[in-house]
C-alpha atoms as a PDB file:
ATOM      1  CA  UNK A   1      97.450 190.633 170.691  1.00  0.00           C
ATOM      2  CA  UNK A   2      94.867 193.327 171.447  1.00  0.00           C
ATOM      3  CA  UNK A   3      97.311 196.097 170.473  1.00  0.00           C
ATOM      4  CA  UNK A   4      98.134 194.286 167.235  1.00  0.00           C
ATOM      5  CA  UNK A   5      94.444 194.082 166.297  1.00  0.00           C
ATOM      6  CA  UNK A   6      93.904 197.747 167.184  1.00  0.00           C
ATOM      7  CA  UNK A   7      96.900 198.729 165.037  1.00  0.00           C
ATOM      8  CA  UNK A   8      95.573 196.726 162.074  1.00  0.00           C
ATOM      9  CA  UNK A   9      92.114 198.275 162.500  1.00  0.00           C
ATOM     10  CA  UNK A  10      93.531 201.820 162.591  1.00  0.00           C
ATOM     11  CA  UNK A  11      95.842 201.225 159.611  1.00  0.00           C
ATOM     12  CA  UNK A  12      92.904 199.883 157.615  1.00  0.00           C
ATOM     13  CA  UNK A  13      90.720 202.877 158.535  1.00  0.00           C
ATOM     14  CA  UNK A  14      93.470 205.339 157.572  1.00  0.00           C
ATOM     15  CA  UNK A  15      94.143 203.544 154.279  1.00  0.00           C
ATOM     16  CA  UNK A  16      90.406 203.503 153.485  1.00  0.00           C
ATOM     17  CA  UNK A  17      90.206 207.246 154.168  1.00  0.00           C
ATOM     18  CA  UNK A  18      93.157 208.003 151.898  1.00  0.00           C
ATOM     19  CA  UNK A  19      91.738 205.774 149.150  1.00  0.00           C
ATOM     20  CA  UNK A  20      88.313 207.455 149.379  1.00  0.00           C
ATOM     21  CA  UNK A  21      89.872 210.925 149.222  1.00  0.00           C
ATOM     22  CA  UNK A  22      91.329 210.013 145.807  1.00  0.00           C
ATOM     23  CA  UNK A  23      88.182 208.155 144.688  1.00  0.00           C
ATOM     24  CA  UNK A  24      90.030 204.827 144.699  1.00  0.00           C
ATOM     25  CA  UNK A  25      89.147 201.334 145.877  1.00  0.00           C
ATOM     26  CA  UNK A  26      91.283 199.798 148.572  1.00  0.00           C
ATOM     27  CA  UNK A  27      92.660 196.266 148.337  1.00  0.00           C
ATOM     28  CA  UNK A  28      94.578 195.800 151.585  1.00  0.00           C
ATOM     29  CA  UNK A  29      95.877 192.641 153.223  1.00  0.00           C
ATOM     30  CA  UNK A  30      97.760 193.043 156.497  1.00  0.00           C
ATOM     31  CA  UNK A  31      99.844 190.138 157.723  1.00  0.00           C
ATOM     32  CA  UNK A  32     101.442 189.966 161.147  1.00  0.00           C
ATOM     33  CA  UNK A  33     105.106 189.416 160.511  1.00  0.00           C
ATOM     34  CA  UNK A  34     107.907 189.356 162.993  1.00  0.00           C
ATOM     35  CA  UNK A  35     107.172 189.347 166.679  1.00  0.00           C
ATOM     36  CA  UNK A  36     104.058 190.222 168.614  1.00  0.00           C
ATOM     37  CA  UNK A  37     104.207 193.324 170.790  1.00  0.00           C
ATOM     38  CA  UNK A  38     105.130 192.828 174.430  1.00  0.00           C
ATOM     39  CA  UNK A  39     102.068 193.843 176.464  1.00  0.00           C
ATOM     40  CA  UNK A  40     102.649 193.485 180.192  1.00  0.00           C
ATOM     41  CA  UNK A  41      99.649 192.657 182.356  1.00  0.00           C
ATOM     42  CA  UNK A  42      99.194 195.994 184.213  1.00  0.00           C
ATOM     43  CA  UNK A  43      98.160 194.632 187.637  1.00  0.00           C
ATOM     44  CA  UNK A  44     100.961 192.080 187.650  1.00  0.00           C
ATOM     45  CA  UNK A  45     103.478 194.715 186.556  1.00  0.00           C
ATOM     46  CA  UNK A  46     102.352 197.003 189.403  1.00  0.00           C
ATOM     47  CA  UNK A  47     102.601 194.114 191.905  1.00  0.00           C
ATOM     48  CA  UNK A  48     106.129 193.365 190.707  1.00  0.00           C
ATOM     49  CA  UNK A  49     107.172 197.021 190.938  1.00  0.00           C
ATOM     50  CA  UNK A  50     105.690 197.392 194.431  1.00  0.00           C
ATOM     51  CA  UNK A  51     107.361 194.182 195.603  1.00  0.00           C
ATOM     52  CA  UNK A  52     110.770 195.120 194.217  1.00  0.00           C
ATOM     53  CA  UNK A  53     110.489 198.657 195.623  1.00  0.00           C
ATOM     54  CA  UNK A  54     110.212 197.152 199.122  1.00  0.00           C
ATOM     55  CA  UNK A  55     113.063 194.647 198.627  1.00  0.00           C
ATOM     56  CA  UNK A  56     116.414 195.413 200.200  1.00  0.00           C
ATOM     57  CA  UNK A  57     119.219 195.789 197.685  1.00  0.00           C
ATOM     58  CA  UNK A  58     116.955 196.261 194.661  1.00  0.00           C
ATOM     59  CA  UNK A  59     117.657 199.480 192.767  1.00  0.00           C
ATOM     60  CA  UNK A  60     114.253 199.867 191.135  1.00  0.00           C
ATOM     61  CA  UNK A  61     114.151 202.393 188.303  1.00  0.00           C
ATOM     62  CA  UNK A  62     110.742 203.130 186.797  1.00  0.00           C
ATOM     63  CA  UNK A  63     111.308 203.900 183.114  1.00  0.00           C
ATOM     64  CA  UNK A  64     108.986 205.029 180.361  1.00  0.00           C
ATOM     65  CA  UNK A  65     107.249 202.248 178.431  1.00  0.00           C
ATOM     66  CA  UNK A  66     109.065 200.992 175.339  1.00  0.00           C
ATOM     67  CA  UNK A  67     107.513 199.800 172.095  1.00  0.00           C
ATOM     68  CA  UNK A  68     108.986 196.321 172.194  1.00  0.00           C
ATOM     69  CA  UNK A  69     108.455 193.319 169.958  1.00  0.00           C
ATOM     70  CA  UNK A  70     109.953 190.069 171.228  1.00  0.00           C
ATOM     71  CA  UNK A  71     109.333 186.358 171.013  1.00  0.00           C
ATOM     72  CA  UNK A  72     108.137 186.794 174.624  1.00  0.00           C
ATOM     73  CA  UNK A  73     105.155 188.655 173.126  1.00  0.00           C
ATOM     74  CA  UNK A  74     103.768 185.309 171.920  1.00  0.00           C
ATOM     75  CA  UNK A  75     103.781 183.983 175.492  1.00  0.00           C
ATOM     76  CA  UNK A  76     102.170 187.164 176.830  1.00  0.00           C
ATOM     77  CA  UNK A  77      99.409 186.842 174.222  1.00  0.00           C
ATOM     78  CA  UNK A  78      98.414 183.559 175.936  1.00  0.00           C
ATOM     79  CA  UNK A  79      99.159 184.091 179.653  1.00  0.00           C
ATOM     80  CA  UNK A  80      99.508 187.070 181.971  1.00  0.00           C
ATOM     81  CA  UNK A  81     103.099 188.063 182.503  1.00  0.00           C
ATOM     82  CA  UNK A  82     105.629 190.850 182.765  1.00  0.00           C
ATOM     83  CA  UNK A  83     108.813 191.604 180.878  1.00  0.00           C
ATOM     84  CA  UNK A  84     111.274 193.913 182.606  1.00  0.00           C
ATOM     85  CA  UNK A  85     114.856 195.050 182.223  1.00  0.00           C
ATOM     86  CA  UNK A  86     117.221 193.482 184.714  1.00  0.00           C
ATOM     87  CA  UNK A  87     119.836 196.202 184.430  1.00  0.00           C
ATOM     88  CA  UNK A  88     122.954 194.209 183.655  1.00  0.00           C
ATOM     89  CA  UNK A  89     125.008 197.285 182.790  1.00  0.00           C
ATOM     90  CA  UNK A  90     126.013 196.633 179.190  1.00  0.00           C
ATOM     91  CA  UNK A  91     126.526 199.589 176.839  1.00  0.00           C
ATOM     92  CA  UNK A  92     125.618 197.404 173.835  1.00  0.00           C
ATOM     93  CA  UNK A  93     121.931 196.825 173.051  1.00  0.00           C
ATOM     94  CA  UNK A  94     120.006 193.598 173.552  1.00  0.00           C
ATOM     95  CA  UNK A  95     120.718 190.929 170.881  1.00  0.00           C
ATOM     96  CA  UNK A  96     123.960 192.664 169.898  1.00  0.00           C
ATOM     97  CA  UNK A  97     127.094 190.498 169.601  1.00  0.00           C
ATOM     98  CA  UNK A  98     128.877 193.220 171.590  1.00  0.00           C
ATOM     99  CA  UNK A  99     126.506 192.855 174.542  1.00  0.00           C
ATOM    100  CA  UNK A 100     128.456 191.784 177.618  1.00  0.00           C
ATOM    101  CA  UNK A 101     126.035 191.543 180.537  1.00  0.00           C
ATOM    102  CA  UNK A 102     127.303 191.580 184.093  1.00  0.00           C
ATOM    103  CA  UNK A 103     126.483 187.960 184.908  1.00  0.00           C
ATOM    104  CA  UNK A 104     127.071 188.622 188.604  1.00  0.00           C
ATOM    105  CA  UNK A 105     123.557 190.129 188.598  1.00  0.00           C
ATOM    106  CA  UNK A 106     121.937 186.788 187.744  1.00  0.00           C
ATOM    107  CA  UNK A 107     122.023 185.021 191.158  1.00  0.00           C
ATOM    108  CA  UNK A 108     120.635 188.160 192.821  1.00  0.00           C
ATOM    109  CA  UNK A 109     117.900 188.441 190.179  1.00  0.00           C
ATOM    110  CA  UNK A 110     116.951 184.767 190.499  1.00  0.00           C
ATOM    111  CA  UNK A 111     116.688 185.138 194.279  1.00  0.00           C
ATOM    112  CA  UNK A 112     114.458 188.237 194.051  1.00  0.00           C
ATOM    113  CA  UNK A 113     112.267 186.904 191.239  1.00  0.00           C
ATOM    114  CA  UNK A 114     111.840 183.625 193.138  1.00  0.00           C
ATOM    115  CA  UNK A 115     110.844 185.576 196.234  1.00  0.00           C
ATOM    116  CA  UNK A 116     108.252 187.508 194.210  1.00  0.00           C
ATOM    117  CA  UNK A 117     106.822 184.267 192.796  1.00  0.00           C
ATOM    118  CA  UNK A 118     106.582 182.789 196.312  1.00  0.00           C
ATOM    119  CA  UNK A 119     104.803 185.966 197.412  1.00  0.00           C
ATOM    120  CA  UNK A 120     102.284 185.711 194.540  1.00  0.00           C
ATOM    121  CA  UNK A 121     101.624 181.995 195.113  1.00  0.00           C
ATOM    122  CA  UNK A 122     101.121 182.509 198.854  1.00  0.00           C
ATOM    123  CA  UNK A 123      98.759 185.414 198.144  1.00  0.00           C
ATOM    124  CA  UNK A 124      96.587 183.027 196.106  1.00  0.00           C
ATOM    125  CA  UNK A 125      96.304 180.442 198.897  1.00  0.00           C
END
Protein backbone atom coordinates (compact mmCIF):
# COMPACT_ATOMS: atom_id res chain seq x y z
CA UNK A 1 0.00 0.00 0.00
CA UNK A 2 2.89 2.35 0.80
CA UNK A 3 4.30 1.98 -2.73
CA UNK A 4 0.88 2.68 -4.22
CA UNK A 5 0.56 5.91 -2.23
CA UNK A 6 4.10 6.97 -3.18
CA UNK A 7 3.33 6.31 -6.85
CA UNK A 8 0.13 8.39 -6.67
CA UNK A 9 2.00 11.21 -4.92
CA UNK A 10 4.77 11.24 -7.56
CA UNK A 11 2.32 11.06 -10.48
CA UNK A 12 0.39 13.99 -9.01
CA UNK A 13 3.58 16.04 -8.54
CA UNK A 14 4.71 15.34 -12.11
CA UNK A 15 1.28 16.19 -13.54
CA UNK A 16 1.19 19.43 -11.51
CA UNK A 17 4.63 20.37 -12.84
CA UNK A 18 3.62 19.74 -16.44
CA UNK A 19 0.38 21.69 -15.97
CA UNK A 20 2.23 24.65 -14.42
CA UNK A 21 4.78 24.69 -17.25
CA UNK A 22 1.91 25.31 -19.70
CA UNK A 23 0.10 27.72 -17.35
CA UNK A 24 -2.78 25.27 -16.91
CA UNK A 25 -4.83 24.12 -13.93
CA UNK A 26 -4.74 20.46 -13.05
CA UNK A 27 -7.88 18.44 -12.34
CA UNK A 28 -6.58 14.96 -11.52
CA UNK A 29 -8.32 12.03 -9.89
CA UNK A 30 -6.30 8.84 -9.46
CA UNK A 31 -8.17 5.64 -8.70
CA UNK A 32 -6.49 2.39 -7.72
CA UNK A 33 -7.70 -0.15 -10.22
CA UNK A 34 -6.61 -3.71 -10.62
CA UNK A 35 -4.40 -5.32 -8.04
CA UNK A 36 -2.24 -3.84 -5.32
CA UNK A 37 1.51 -4.23 -5.72
CA UNK A 38 3.12 -7.21 -4.01
CA UNK A 39 5.44 -5.79 -1.34
CA UNK A 40 7.25 -8.52 0.57
CA UNK A 41 8.15 -7.81 4.18
CA UNK A 42 11.98 -7.49 3.89
CA UNK A 43 12.97 -9.16 7.19
CA UNK A 44 10.61 -12.07 6.61
CA UNK A 45 11.84 -12.46 3.03
CA UNK A 46 15.46 -12.55 4.26
CA UNK A 47 14.55 -15.13 6.95
CA UNK A 48 12.87 -17.30 4.32
CA UNK A 49 15.84 -17.04 1.96
CA UNK A 50 18.33 -17.86 4.73
CA UNK A 51 16.23 -20.82 5.89
CA UNK A 52 15.82 -22.25 2.39
CA UNK A 53 19.52 -21.73 1.63
CA UNK A 54 20.36 -24.05 4.54
CA UNK A 55 17.75 -26.69 3.63
CA UNK A 56 18.92 -29.86 1.94
CA UNK A 57 17.47 -30.36 -1.52
CA UNK A 58 16.34 -26.75 -1.99
CA UNK A 59 17.77 -25.14 -5.12
CA UNK A 60 17.50 -21.52 -4.00
CA UNK A 61 17.91 -18.98 -6.79
CA UNK A 62 18.00 -15.33 -5.77
CA UNK A 63 16.43 -13.35 -8.61
CA UNK A 64 16.00 -9.65 -9.21
CA UNK A 65 12.82 -8.11 -7.79
CA UNK A 66 9.82 -8.06 -10.12
CA UNK A 67 7.14 -5.39 -10.35
CA UNK A 68 4.23 -7.66 -9.54
CA UNK A 69 0.57 -6.92 -8.98
CA UNK A 70 -1.48 -9.82 -7.64
CA UNK A 71 -4.54 -10.42 -5.52
CA UNK A 72 -1.97 -11.50 -2.90
CA UNK A 73 -1.01 -7.80 -2.70
CA UNK A 74 -4.27 -7.13 -0.82
CA UNK A 75 -3.27 -9.65 1.85
CA UNK A 76 0.24 -8.22 2.10
CA UNK A 77 -1.23 -4.74 2.59
CA UNK A 78 -2.78 -6.05 5.84
CA UNK A 79 -0.28 -8.61 7.20
CA UNK A 80 3.43 -9.27 6.82
CA UNK A 81 4.16 -11.94 4.27
CA UNK A 82 6.29 -13.09 1.38
CA UNK A 83 5.47 -14.12 -2.16
CA UNK A 84 8.07 -16.22 -3.94
CA UNK A 85 8.38 -18.31 -7.08
CA UNK A 86 8.30 -22.03 -6.44
CA UNK A 87 10.06 -22.94 -9.67
CA UNK A 88 7.66 -25.45 -11.17
CA UNK A 89 9.43 -25.49 -14.54
CA UNK A 90 6.71 -24.35 -16.92
CA UNK A 91 7.68 -22.41 -20.06
CA UNK A 92 4.28 -20.67 -20.09
CA UNK A 93 3.75 -17.65 -17.82
CA UNK A 94 1.64 -17.54 -14.67
CA UNK A 95 -2.14 -17.37 -15.34
CA UNK A 96 -1.66 -18.65 -18.89
CA UNK A 97 -3.92 -21.51 -20.05
CA UNK A 98 -0.76 -23.13 -21.44
CA UNK A 99 0.91 -23.20 -18.02
CA UNK A 100 1.62 -26.80 -17.02
CA UNK A 101 3.37 -26.78 -13.65
CA UNK A 102 5.33 -29.79 -12.48
CA UNK A 103 2.96 -30.81 -9.69
CA UNK A 104 5.57 -33.20 -8.31
CA UNK A 105 7.16 -30.09 -6.74
CA UNK A 106 4.14 -29.46 -4.51
CA UNK A 107 4.68 -32.08 -1.75
CA UNK A 108 8.33 -31.01 -1.45
CA UNK A 109 7.32 -27.34 -1.29
CA UNK A 110 4.64 -28.00 1.33
CA UNK A 111 7.16 -29.89 3.47
CA UNK A 112 9.77 -27.10 3.28
CA UNK A 113 7.30 -24.25 3.78
CA UNK A 114 5.79 -26.09 6.76
CA UNK A 115 9.27 -26.53 8.21
CA UNK A 116 9.94 -22.80 7.81
CA UNK A 117 6.65 -21.94 9.55
CA UNK A 118 7.52 -24.29 12.43
CA UNK A 119 10.91 -22.59 12.66
CA UNK A 120 9.31 -19.12 12.81
CA UNK A 121 6.71 -20.15 15.41
CA UNK A 122 9.35 -21.80 17.61
CA UNK A 123 11.54 -18.69 17.32
CA UNK A 124 8.66 -16.65 18.77
CA UNK A 125 8.22 -18.89 21.82
